[in-house]
């Protein structure tokens, strides 16, 4: 496991704010930084489109978080419902020691074992001394952080199953020989993949809140800019990072401000109905599409400094929130269009009488 380091800690990541184009990918990552409850991001695309670079760069602009100082899971000191058992017991006895830690991007390598992912129980010690000792794994490190899986479509099925279980429950449960240990495992799941190297299990695809398809930039001037920035970074990473330091700090402050504003952002009733109608028109199973689109639109409004979700905000995130949830037959490649479904729903429900959508 490796963690993406932070500015000032010898980070070698390419600055997030120096990435050229790829607007949807950057926006999807930032929205999950604003609201981790969106459900993560899957970035699909050919090689050389800055997928991994963007994810690793995200680590440098994520805000700090307050944690229980001596807790291996980084439990929140003021939310017992999201604490491990030890922190919850101590919380009832008095104030917990706290410290500030940077939110991190935690890598899950493809060759990880299940024990490395979930952690291990020392059964011999438990049987001999009557005390179960737990060695935390990647899921413990990922709690309240970003869990990143490169080439997620190539991840072994048994690891995918463990990921799905932890993502669904928000906790990791390890059981061996009748002994069990559980700890919180709330993380923003971010995956990248090249579709040419294989598909993704539908259960895991549905777990991602947002899915972004990226391709190579076609604008000549932007391609030149990409090459020049990359060359400058490779020639002197420290100087290049220093050039973007102020922009990086400003982006972090913007994420923090958006988080603070998020609970105040409202979704007008006509737009709420348009969200529901869009999912109905697209034939999206269940209600996860509704929830994700609402959360993504609210996060975008907060990030833009707005107090109300607008139709424009819905349009900007509807595709990445819903396109992978629609059911298409091979001969119906263009039969279901998210933008069209949303436009029809807005026309029906976001009427002038109900208030302007923008």
Foldseek 3Di string as FASTA:
>chain_A
DDWQDEPVPPGLADALVLDFDPVLLLLQLLLCLLPVVLQAEEEEEDPPQCQVSNLSNVQHQRAKAKAQPPDLQRFHQPDLVQFFPVSNVVSVVDGGHMDIDRAIEQEDEQPDDPCQAQWDWPVVCCVPVVDIDTGGHSLSVQRVHAYEYEQQQSHDPVNVVQVLVCQVVQKGWDDDPRDIGMHGRRHHYYYYHYVVVDDHPLSSVVSHQFYHYDYDDDDPVSVVSVVVLVVVCVVPVVVSCVVCVVVSNVSSVLSVQLSVLLVQAEEQPLLLQLLVQLCVVLVFPDCSLSVSLVSSQSSVCSSVVHRYRALVSSLSGNCRRPVSRGDDDPVCPPVRDSNVSSVVSCVVRVDVVSPHRD
